[in-house]
Amino acid sequence: MSNSDVNNSRLTSMNTNSSSSSIINSTPTSPSTSSICSTSTSPLSITPRRIVKAKRSLVWRYFKDMKDDVLNVECVLCSSVITRKSTSTSNLLHHIQTQHNVEYQHLNKVMKSQTQTSDSTTRLPLTSDRSIHLTKLIADLIIYNFLPLSIVESPHLQAILAETEPSYIIPRRKYFTNNVLQEMYNEVQQKVYEELQQAPGICLTTDIWTSQANQAYMTITAHFIDLKNKKIKNFVLETKEFTENRTAERIVERLESICDKWSISDKIICLVSDTCPTMRKVGVEFGKGWIGCTDYL
């Protein structure tokens, strides 16, 4: 073979290898292949779906996120801090199961009864504005109609709510007692306190009565004239079990304690009560003036 033939053969081989290399290198950079891979494996398209799905778990209605702490959540029932595992709710569910058995039984029952359709419905967190508003309306229903707290467990009320607001789950009785009603009590207490401070003078009435369970209670009520609105107002300041001996000294102690609590000691004009000897003595020792109720004459 001549030198020219050898050189031609080398050139042909180099061109062939170059073409093959070009074809191989161009295959992975195909726009269509790259686009398909990007769509199917991008973490941005997966992570949000997982988070939303986790947040839809009914157990989240018993927990709220902690400020500046993404690793822990707070139980709205007992304020315990629970560590969360990524998007898993196993720790949260375990806490409800071991510490709040009544809520767990209710939660478990609801979760089991959910259908495929209802499972896809986003549940309102217990601390959302909408959930708080609905819970407040139910509390108003209980208070202003003198209903028992057991009404929240009524299947008829739950059926109405399921029809009108399927994303809302009514809280359990314990939650109303420890959270909703306590907050409402504090709000009303503050309003009453402010009105009492504006009263020019206050008359107290009191009575010790016995319940059907044979428990003694002492009720103290404040009466005054609202000069601004020209109305007579009455506020029950306290109804509390009276376990002490019904002596004048003990009753006076209770009266003075409630006056200090509401900061109205200097506003009391008189005390009205029954006319038994003990209460007559209370009127003297209380030192604010005493009037016997005509119903007892």
Protein backbone atom coordinates (compact mmCIF):
# COMPACT_ATOMS: atom_id res chain seq x y z
CA MET A 1 0.00 0.00 0.00
CA SER A 2 1.37 3.43 -0.91
CA ASN A 3 1.76 6.32 1.52
CA SER A 4 -1.11 8.17 -0.12
CA ASP A 5 -3.41 5.18 0.31
CA VAL A 6 -2.50 4.96 4.01
CA ASN A 7 -3.24 8.65 4.55
CA ASN A 8 -6.57 8.39 2.73
CA SER A 9 -7.51 5.41 4.88
CA ARG A 10 -6.70 7.35 8.08
CA LEU A 11 -8.77 10.34 6.98
CA THR A 12 -11.74 8.11 6.19
CA SER A 13 -11.48 6.44 9.60
CA MET A 14 -11.29 9.79 11.42
CA ASN A 15 -14.33 11.13 9.57
CA THR A 16 -16.30 8.02 10.38
CA ASN A 17 -15.42 8.17 14.10
CA SER A 18 -16.18 11.85 14.21
CA SER A 19 -19.63 11.30 12.71
CA SER A 20 -20.40 8.48 15.14
CA SER A 21 -19.24 10.55 18.08
CA SER A 22 -21.38 13.44 16.95
CA ILE A 23 -24.47 11.24 16.70
CA ILE A 24 -23.89 9.70 20.15
CA ASN A 25 -23.28 13.04 21.84
CA SER A 26 -26.32 14.63 20.26
CA THR A 27 -28.79 12.02 21.48
CA PRO A 28 -29.00 13.05 25.21
CA THR A 29 -29.37 16.70 24.33
CA SER A 30 -32.57 16.21 22.40
CA PRO A 31 -34.99 18.99 23.47
CA SER A 32 -37.95 16.64 23.56
CA THR A 33 -36.15 14.07 25.76
CA SER A 34 -34.86 16.74 28.13
CA SER A 35 -38.30 18.28 28.43
CA ILE A 36 -39.96 14.96 29.25
CA CYS A 37 -37.39 14.15 31.93
CA SER A 38 -37.73 17.60 33.48
CA THR A 39 -41.53 17.32 33.70
CA SER A 40 -41.56 13.89 35.31
CA THR A 41 -38.75 14.31 37.83
CA SER A 42 -38.88 17.96 38.89
CA PRO A 43 -39.23 18.11 42.68
CA LEU A 44 -41.16 21.37 42.42
CA SER A 45 -44.12 19.54 40.91
CA ILE A 46 -44.16 16.86 43.63
CA THR A 47 -43.45 18.56 46.96
CA PRO A 48 -46.46 20.93 47.01
CA ARG A 49 -48.86 18.05 46.30
CA ARG A 50 -47.48 16.09 49.25
CA ILE A 51 -47.79 19.05 51.61
CA VAL A 52 -51.38 19.79 50.60
CA LYS A 53 -52.34 16.15 50.98
CA ALA A 54 -50.83 16.03 54.46
CA LYS A 55 -52.61 19.18 55.51
CA ARG A 56 -55.93 17.62 54.47
CA SER A 57 -55.57 14.97 57.17
CA LEU A 58 -58.29 15.41 59.77
CA VAL A 59 -55.77 15.16 62.58
CA TRP A 60 -54.53 18.66 61.67
CA ARG A 61 -57.67 20.20 63.14
CA TYR A 62 -56.20 19.48 66.58
CA PHE A 63 -52.82 21.11 65.88
CA LYS A 64 -51.44 24.46 64.82
CA ASP A 65 -48.07 25.49 63.43
CA MET A 66 -45.57 27.12 65.76
CA LYS A 67 -44.05 30.46 64.90
CA ASP A 68 -40.47 30.19 63.63
CA ASP A 69 -40.44 26.44 64.27
CA VAL A 70 -41.15 24.20 61.29
CA LEU A 71 -40.13 21.01 63.09
CA ASN A 72 -42.80 21.14 65.80
CA VAL A 73 -46.52 21.79 66.13
CA GLU A 74 -48.73 22.62 69.11
CA CYS A 75 -51.76 20.65 70.23
CA VAL A 76 -54.75 23.00 70.55
CA LEU A 77 -56.30 20.76 73.21
CA CYS A 78 -53.45 20.64 75.75
CA SER A 79 -50.74 22.96 74.30
CA SER A 80 -48.23 20.11 74.13
CA VAL A 81 -45.42 20.53 71.59
CA ILE A 82 -45.20 17.59 69.20
CA THR A 83 -42.37 16.89 66.76
CA ARG A 84 -43.58 16.34 63.22
CA LYS A 85 -41.92 13.97 60.77
CA SER A 86 -41.81 15.75 57.44
CA THR A 87 -45.34 15.45 56.03
CA SER A 88 -46.23 12.40 58.10
CA THR A 89 -48.97 12.72 60.70
CA SER A 90 -48.11 9.56 62.65
CA ASN A 91 -46.73 11.49 65.64
CA LEU A 92 -49.76 13.74 65.71
CA LEU A 93 -52.18 10.86 65.52
CA HIS A 94 -50.28 9.00 68.24
CA HIS A 95 -50.55 12.00 70.55
CA ILE A 96 -54.32 12.26 70.06
CA GLN A 97 -54.70 8.52 70.59
CA THR A 98 -52.69 8.39 73.83
CA GLN A 99 -53.58 11.75 75.38
CA HIS A 100 -57.07 12.57 74.10
CA ASN A 101 -58.91 9.29 73.75
CA VAL A 102 -62.38 10.80 73.29
CA GLU A 103 -61.18 12.99 70.43
CA TYR A 104 -59.31 10.04 68.94
CA GLN A 105 -62.42 7.84 68.93
CA HIS A 106 -64.37 10.58 67.19
CA LEU A 107 -61.56 11.23 64.72
CA ASN A 108 -61.13 7.55 63.97
CA LYS A 109 -64.85 7.13 63.36
CA VAL A 110 -64.99 10.07 60.98
CA MET A 111 -61.90 8.95 59.08
CA LYS A 112 -63.30 5.46 58.60
CA SER A 113 -66.64 6.75 57.38
CA GLN A 114 -65.18 9.09 54.79
CA THR A 115 -65.85 8.23 51.18
CA GLN A 116 -63.50 8.75 48.24
CA THR A 117 -65.26 12.02 47.45
CA SER A 118 -65.24 13.42 50.93
CA ASP A 119 -61.59 12.46 51.31
CA SER A 120 -60.70 14.79 48.47
CA THR A 121 -62.44 17.72 50.18
CA THR A 122 -60.09 20.11 51.94
CA ARG A 123 -60.92 20.21 55.64
CA LEU A 124 -60.98 23.49 57.52
CA PRO A 125 -58.27 23.66 60.18
CA LEU A 126 -59.64 24.21 63.67
CA THR A 127 -57.77 27.54 63.85
CA SER A 128 -58.90 28.93 60.48
CA ASP A 129 -61.02 32.10 60.45
CA ARG A 130 -63.99 30.27 58.95
CA SER A 131 -63.80 27.45 61.48
CA ILE A 132 -63.49 29.87 64.39
CA HIS A 133 -66.54 31.80 63.14
CA LEU A 134 -68.69 28.68 62.85
CA THR A 135 -67.57 27.41 66.25
CA LYS A 136 -68.47 30.78 67.79
CA LEU A 137 -71.96 30.61 66.27
CA ILE A 138 -72.48 27.17 67.79
CA ALA A 139 -71.30 28.47 71.17
CA ASP A 140 -73.79 31.35 70.91
CA LEU A 141 -76.53 28.84 70.15
CA ILE A 142 -75.64 26.90 73.30
CA ILE A 143 -75.39 29.95 75.56
CA TYR A 144 -78.40 31.98 74.50
CA ASN A 145 -80.72 28.99 74.31
CA PHE A 146 -79.49 27.36 77.53
CA LEU A 147 -78.60 24.17 75.69
CA PRO A 148 -76.41 21.41 77.12
CA LEU A 149 -72.90 21.01 75.72
CA SER A 150 -73.87 17.54 74.54
CA ILE A 151 -75.68 19.24 71.64
CA VAL A 152 -72.34 19.34 69.78
CA GLU A 153 -72.47 15.53 69.63
CA SER A 154 -75.99 15.50 68.22
CA PRO A 155 -76.08 13.63 64.88
CA HIS A 156 -78.81 16.02 63.72
CA LEU A 157 -76.63 19.10 64.23
CA GLN A 158 -73.70 17.33 62.60
CA ALA A 159 -75.92 16.41 59.65
CA ILE A 160 -76.91 20.05 59.18
CA LEU A 161 -73.28 21.15 59.24
CA ALA A 162 -72.23 18.35 56.88
CA GLU A 163 -74.85 19.55 54.41
CA THR A 164 -74.18 23.28 54.69
CA GLU A 165 -70.41 23.28 55.35
CA PRO A 166 -68.91 19.85 54.59
CA SER A 167 -65.35 21.09 55.11
CA TYR A 168 -66.09 21.98 58.75
CA ILE A 169 -66.01 19.43 61.55
CA ILE A 170 -67.61 20.51 64.81
CA PRO A 171 -65.17 20.33 67.76
CA ARG A 172 -65.77 18.00 70.66
CA ARG A 173 -67.45 19.03 73.92
CA LYS A 174 -64.12 19.26 75.77
CA TYR A 175 -62.79 21.78 73.27
CA PHE A 176 -65.84 24.01 73.80
CA THR A 177 -65.42 23.80 77.57
CA ASN A 178 -61.67 24.42 77.76
CA ASN A 179 -61.25 26.84 74.87
CA VAL A 180 -64.31 28.42 73.26
CA LEU A 181 -66.49 29.05 76.32
CA GLN A 182 -63.53 30.10 78.45
CA GLU A 183 -62.48 32.70 75.89
CA MET A 184 -66.05 33.98 75.61
CA TYR A 185 -66.29 34.15 79.40
CA ASN A 186 -63.12 36.24 79.57
CA GLU A 187 -64.46 38.64 76.95
CA VAL A 188 -67.80 39.10 78.74
CA GLN A 189 -66.05 39.43 82.09
CA GLN A 190 -63.96 42.30 80.74
CA LYS A 191 -67.03 44.09 79.35
CA VAL A 192 -68.91 43.70 82.65
CA TYR A 193 -65.88 44.96 84.55
CA GLU A 194 -65.72 48.09 82.41
CA GLU A 195 -69.43 48.79 82.89
CA LEU A 196 -69.17 48.34 86.65
CA GLN A 197 -66.39 50.92 86.76
CA GLN A 198 -68.74 53.43 85.14
CA ALA A 199 -71.57 52.80 87.61
CA PRO A 200 -72.20 55.69 90.06
CA GLY A 201 -73.40 53.27 92.74
CA ILE A 202 -74.07 49.55 93.03
CA CYS A 203 -76.53 47.51 95.05
CA LEU A 204 -75.71 43.87 95.75
CA THR A 205 -78.19 41.05 96.24
CA THR A 206 -77.15 37.66 97.51
CA ASP A 207 -78.68 34.34 98.40
CA ILE A 208 -77.45 30.91 99.43
CA TRP A 209 -79.49 28.15 97.82
CA THR A 210 -79.36 24.38 97.57
CA SER A 211 -79.35 22.39 94.33
CA GLN A 212 -81.24 19.16 93.69
CA ALA A 213 -77.96 17.37 94.38
CA ASN A 214 -78.03 18.95 97.86
CA GLN A 215 -75.06 21.22 97.13
CA ALA A 216 -75.09 24.75 98.55
CA TYR A 217 -74.28 27.69 96.27
CA MET A 218 -73.94 31.40 96.90
CA THR A 219 -74.98 33.81 94.17
CA ILE A 220 -74.02 37.50 94.18
CA THR A 221 -75.64 39.93 91.74
CA ALA A 222 -74.85 43.60 91.06
CA HIS A 223 -77.58 46.12 90.21
CA PHE A 224 -77.01 49.69 89.03
CA ILE A 225 -78.37 52.41 86.78
CA ASP A 226 -76.64 53.02 83.46
CA LEU A 227 -76.93 56.80 83.38
CA LYS A 228 -75.72 57.09 79.80
CA ASN A 229 -78.42 54.80 78.39
CA LYS A 230 -80.92 55.37 81.23
CA LYS A 231 -81.29 51.65 81.92
CA ILE A 232 -81.23 49.45 84.99
CA LYS A 233 -78.58 46.76 84.60
CA ASN A 234 -78.04 43.53 86.49
CA PHE A 235 -74.97 41.31 86.37
CA VAL A 236 -74.44 38.02 88.18
CA LEU A 237 -70.92 38.43 89.51
CA GLU A 238 -70.55 34.93 90.88
CA THR A 239 -72.36 31.68 91.56
CA LYS A 240 -70.04 29.44 93.48
CA GLU A 241 -70.38 26.42 95.72
CA PHE A 242 -70.50 27.35 99.40
CA THR A 243 -68.83 24.57 101.37
CA GLU A 244 -68.10 26.53 104.55
CA ASN A 245 -70.35 26.84 107.57
CA ARG A 246 -73.08 29.37 106.88
CA THR A 247 -71.88 31.88 109.42
CA ALA A 248 -72.03 35.64 109.03
CA GLU A 249 -68.24 35.83 109.04
CA ARG A 250 -67.85 33.38 106.13
CA ILE A 251 -70.56 35.09 104.08
CA VAL A 252 -69.00 38.51 104.63
CA GLU A 253 -65.62 37.12 103.53
CA ARG A 254 -67.19 35.91 100.30
CA LEU A 255 -68.87 39.28 99.68
CA GLU A 256 -65.67 41.23 100.31
CA SER A 257 -63.69 38.87 98.08
CA ILE A 258 -66.04 39.35 95.14
CA CYS A 259 -66.04 43.14 95.62
CA ASP A 260 -62.24 43.17 95.53
CA LYS A 261 -62.21 40.95 92.44
CA TRP A 262 -64.42 43.39 90.52
CA SER A 263 -62.91 46.55 92.11
CA ILE A 264 -66.29 47.84 93.32
CA SER A 265 -65.82 48.01 97.10
CA ASP A 266 -66.12 51.81 97.14
CA LYS A 267 -69.24 51.76 94.95
CA ILE A 268 -71.46 49.53 97.10
CA ILE A 269 -74.51 51.38 98.43
CA CYS A 270 -76.34 48.54 100.12
CA LEU A 271 -76.84 44.79 100.37
CA VAL A 272 -80.22 43.11 99.87
CA SER A 273 -80.83 39.60 101.20
CA ASP A 274 -83.34 37.48 103.08
CA THR A 275 -84.27 38.45 106.61
CA CYS A 276 -82.94 35.50 108.60
CA PRO A 277 -80.84 36.36 111.69
CA THR A 278 -77.60 35.32 109.98
CA MET A 279 -78.14 37.65 107.03
CA ARG A 280 -79.15 40.49 109.33
CA LYS A 281 -75.79 40.04 111.04
CA VAL A 282 -74.10 39.93 107.62
CA GLY A 283 -75.68 43.30 106.81
CA VAL A 284 -74.21 44.81 109.95
CA GLU A 285 -70.71 43.32 109.55
CA PHE A 286 -70.55 44.08 105.83
CA GLY A 287 -70.96 47.73 106.76
CA LYS A 288 -72.50 48.95 103.51
CA GLY A 289 -76.11 49.23 104.55
CA TRP A 290 -78.61 46.37 104.50
CA ILE A 291 -82.19 45.99 103.23
CA GLY A 292 -84.28 42.89 103.87
CA CYS A 293 -86.00 41.47 100.81
CA THR A 294 -89.79 41.84 101.09
CA ASP A 295 -90.28 38.34 99.66
CA TYR A 296 -88.98 36.97 102.96
CA LEU A 297 -91.09 39.16 105.24
